């Protein structure tokens, strides 16, 4: 038994379509077969991004959305979920940062109207109570409950920092003061965090859902996640950043398995219709 702690600047293309149609354009041909890798691809929902990833995310991959505060991580997740819903897919959004009511309100302000899809049972939004015991077991039951095509976990960071017990049969509970027979591992140890992340990745991978997980990057950090380990366990990484000297927002594809892509940061903007590439 173990006791552990939890830019290549894209030129703007000439177009006659109105701005509010760009999300619908990005969602067309949601899943495609890519000749370069032979993989099925899933549309990101972000106008201009899929063309830079051979047609989209490889189906079944886990993609990390990293960035400092205010860079648009949750908006990227909204667009990813909207693309799936418009294709008739079953979607799951797990939030650990805010209650469901607040998340829906934020989405509405950005013109993502998710409530009708929740009412129809196509979208399940779940608030993850970090104070509950058996956290990984709860996540596993949620993920396996709906045959989901797309999953979002926003945010991964607080989950990996929680304390937990892990025993051989996979059971996990919050440590208690009367637990005596344990081997102590520091809460902030690499070993503890890696065990957390490997367990979560295993849960998601078993379902073959295409998944986005968000993580915060502390200001000035050279890591790609707050825990500095997630980037090595996921299949893809999108990094959102700010160029404060030029007053620009940036998106970089830092990693995407099975995909040929540029590593240069691209200019993006956040509009009332979501994130779009310039």
Foldseek 3Di string as FASTA:
>chain_A
DAWEFFAPADDDDDDDDDPLCQLVVQLPPQWDQAPLQRFIAGGQSARPPLVQWRRHAGFLFEEEEEEAPPLASVLSVLSNVLSQVVVVFAEEEEEADDDPVVSCVVCVQLVRRCVVCVVVRRYHYHHQDLPFWQRLVVVLCVLPPPLGQEYEYHAPVVRRQHIWDADDVGGITHDDPPDDPHDYDDSLDPVSSVVNLVSNSVSSSVSSHYYYHYAYDPPPDPARHPSSCNVVVGQWYWYWYADVVVGFIWIATPGHPSTDGDRRTYTWDQDSNGIHTD
